């Protein structure tokens, strides 16, 4: 009933490089998503603890804490939130969903934007059928982000 008036999905973007954050923010907001940016894994983790995000997009290589370490910590707090890991080292390091804990791993490349938009859409629409195991309070809370 409220689906047409529900708030747009809220995405947490994590990268220590401002240009990466700005580019992803611009692309995702153009698609109708709301974004919150974090310039470090520590800032992202604090935001993740207190705010309800529909999805997280994190870079792999950051000072102090890698994207994989961040994913592991986030999974302990809210395991149901989908996470996308973006890295320039996907092929070199053999990063994939199994080795990183991310729902999707994207290599930095000329088609990164297209892959990101597709992955975000897929993960956000995939969540809805998974929540059909009953109308739990957690499921209701997830649908009212705003």
Protein backbone atom coordinates (compact mmCIF):
# COMPACT_ATOMS: atom_id res chain seq x y z
CA UNK A 1 0.00 0.00 0.00
CA UNK A 2 2.83 2.39 0.83
CA UNK A 3 5.15 1.01 -1.85
CA UNK A 4 4.51 3.93 -4.20
CA UNK A 5 5.22 6.43 -1.42
CA UNK A 6 8.09 4.62 0.27
CA UNK A 7 11.38 6.42 0.66
CA UNK A 8 14.07 5.67 -1.90
CA UNK A 9 16.60 3.03 -0.82
CA UNK A 10 19.43 4.39 1.31
CA UNK A 11 22.95 3.36 0.28
CA UNK A 12 26.15 3.77 2.30
CA UNK A 13 29.15 4.53 0.06
CA UNK A 14 32.61 3.89 1.52
CA UNK A 15 35.90 4.97 -0.08
CA UNK A 16 38.93 6.90 1.14
CA UNK A 17 39.18 8.63 -2.24
CA UNK A 18 36.87 11.61 -2.70
CA UNK A 19 36.69 11.21 -6.48
CA UNK A 20 35.44 7.62 -6.12
CA UNK A 21 32.81 8.68 -3.59
CA UNK A 22 31.65 11.63 -5.70
CA UNK A 23 31.36 9.57 -8.87
CA UNK A 24 29.40 6.73 -7.27
CA UNK A 25 27.18 9.16 -5.36
CA UNK A 26 26.34 11.02 -8.57
CA UNK A 27 25.54 7.85 -10.50
CA UNK A 28 23.39 6.28 -7.78
CA UNK A 29 21.49 9.47 -6.96
CA UNK A 30 20.76 9.90 -10.68
CA UNK A 31 19.12 6.45 -10.44
CA UNK A 32 16.86 7.70 -7.63
CA UNK A 33 18.74 6.29 -4.62
CA UNK A 34 19.66 8.27 -1.51
CA UNK A 35 23.29 8.02 -0.44
CA UNK A 36 25.41 8.64 2.62
CA UNK A 37 29.16 8.85 2.10
CA UNK A 38 31.94 7.77 4.44
CA UNK A 39 35.59 8.57 3.75
CA UNK A 40 36.92 5.76 5.94
CA UNK A 41 35.92 2.32 7.10
CA UNK A 42 35.75 3.53 10.71
CA UNK A 43 33.35 6.36 9.84
CA UNK A 44 31.27 3.91 7.79
CA UNK A 45 31.09 1.41 10.64
CA UNK A 46 29.84 4.05 13.08
CA UNK A 47 27.17 5.19 10.61
CA UNK A 48 26.20 1.56 9.94
CA UNK A 49 25.64 0.96 13.66
CA UNK A 50 23.17 3.82 14.10
CA UNK A 51 21.46 4.19 10.73
CA UNK A 52 19.38 1.74 8.72
CA UNK A 53 20.91 1.25 5.26
CA UNK A 54 19.40 -0.81 2.46
CA UNK A 55 22.79 -1.51 0.86
CA UNK A 56 26.51 -0.80 1.28
CA UNK A 57 29.07 -0.17 -1.46
CA UNK A 58 32.66 -0.26 -0.24
CA UNK A 59 36.09 0.03 -1.78
CA UNK A 60 38.60 -2.72 -1.00
CA UNK A 61 41.85 -0.83 -0.45
CA UNK A 62 41.60 1.75 2.31
CA UNK A 63 44.01 2.80 5.06
CA UNK A 64 43.61 1.26 8.53
CA UNK A 65 40.91 -1.24 7.52
CA UNK A 66 40.28 -3.05 4.24
CA UNK A 67 36.87 -3.40 2.66
CA UNK A 68 36.92 -7.11 3.55
CA UNK A 69 37.54 -6.32 7.23
CA UNK A 70 34.71 -3.79 7.11
CA UNK A 71 32.37 -6.35 5.53
CA UNK A 72 33.16 -8.88 8.28
CA UNK A 73 32.35 -6.34 11.00
CA UNK A 74 29.15 -5.22 9.26
CA UNK A 75 27.99 -8.82 8.84
CA UNK A 76 28.22 -9.28 12.63
CA UNK A 77 26.01 -6.23 13.20
CA UNK A 78 23.39 -6.53 10.42
CA UNK A 79 23.99 -9.65 8.31
CA UNK A 80 20.92 -9.06 6.13
CA UNK A 81 22.22 -5.84 4.52
CA UNK A 82 23.59 -6.53 1.03
CA UNK A 83 27.16 -5.36 0.38
CA UNK A 84 29.01 -4.64 -2.86
CA UNK A 85 32.81 -4.61 -2.85
CA UNK A 86 34.64 -2.61 -5.55
CA UNK A 87 38.34 -3.12 -6.18
CA UNK A 88 41.06 -2.58 -8.70
CA UNK A 89 42.62 -5.83 -7.45
CA UNK A 90 39.76 -8.26 -8.10
CA UNK A 91 41.63 -10.40 -10.62
CA UNK A 92 45.12 -10.04 -9.12
CA UNK A 93 44.00 -11.08 -5.64
CA UNK A 94 41.25 -13.48 -6.75
CA UNK A 95 38.56 -11.51 -4.93
CA UNK A 96 35.06 -12.90 -5.27
CA UNK A 97 31.91 -13.32 -3.23
CA UNK A 98 33.28 -16.41 -1.51
CA UNK A 99 36.59 -14.86 -0.44
CA UNK A 100 35.29 -11.44 0.59
CA UNK A 101 31.89 -11.95 2.21
CA UNK A 102 30.36 -9.44 -0.22
CA UNK A 103 27.15 -10.19 -2.10
CA UNK A 104 28.73 -8.85 -5.29
CA UNK A 105 32.32 -8.01 -6.22
CA UNK A 106 32.98 -5.50 -9.00
CA UNK A 107 36.33 -4.81 -10.64
CA UNK A 108 37.24 -1.18 -11.23
CA UNK A 109 37.12 -0.80 -15.00
CA UNK A 110 35.60 1.21 -17.82
CA UNK A 111 32.25 -0.56 -17.27
CA UNK A 112 32.25 -0.22 -13.47
CA UNK A 113 29.34 2.24 -13.50
CA UNK A 114 27.10 -0.07 -15.53
CA UNK A 115 28.00 -3.06 -13.35
CA UNK A 116 27.39 -1.04 -10.17
CA UNK A 117 23.95 0.17 -11.26
CA UNK A 118 22.94 -3.37 -12.27
CA UNK A 119 24.25 -4.91 -9.04
CA UNK A 120 22.52 -2.32 -6.84
CA UNK A 121 19.21 -2.84 -8.62
CA UNK A 122 19.55 -6.64 -8.47
CA UNK A 123 20.42 -6.73 -4.77
CA UNK A 124 17.71 -4.28 -3.74
CA UNK A 125 15.00 -6.08 -5.69
CA UNK A 126 16.26 -9.52 -4.62
CA UNK A 127 15.71 -8.68 -0.94
CA UNK A 128 11.94 -8.39 -1.21
CA UNK A 129 11.15 -12.04 -2.08
CA UNK A 130 13.56 -13.21 0.63
CA UNK A 131 11.47 -11.44 3.27
CA UNK A 132 8.35 -13.46 2.50
CA UNK A 133 8.97 -15.88 5.36
CA UNK A 134 6.52 -13.94 7.46
CA UNK A 135 5.97 -10.35 8.37
CA UNK A 136 8.62 -9.96 11.05
CA UNK A 137 9.29 -6.67 12.85
CA UNK A 138 12.75 -6.63 11.24
CA UNK A 139 11.19 -6.90 7.78
CA UNK A 140 8.82 -4.03 8.54
CA UNK A 141 11.67 -1.86 9.80
CA UNK A 142 13.73 -2.52 6.67
CA UNK A 143 10.87 -1.27 4.49
CA UNK A 144 10.56 2.07 6.26
CA UNK A 145 14.02 3.55 5.86
CA UNK A 146 13.93 7.29 5.64
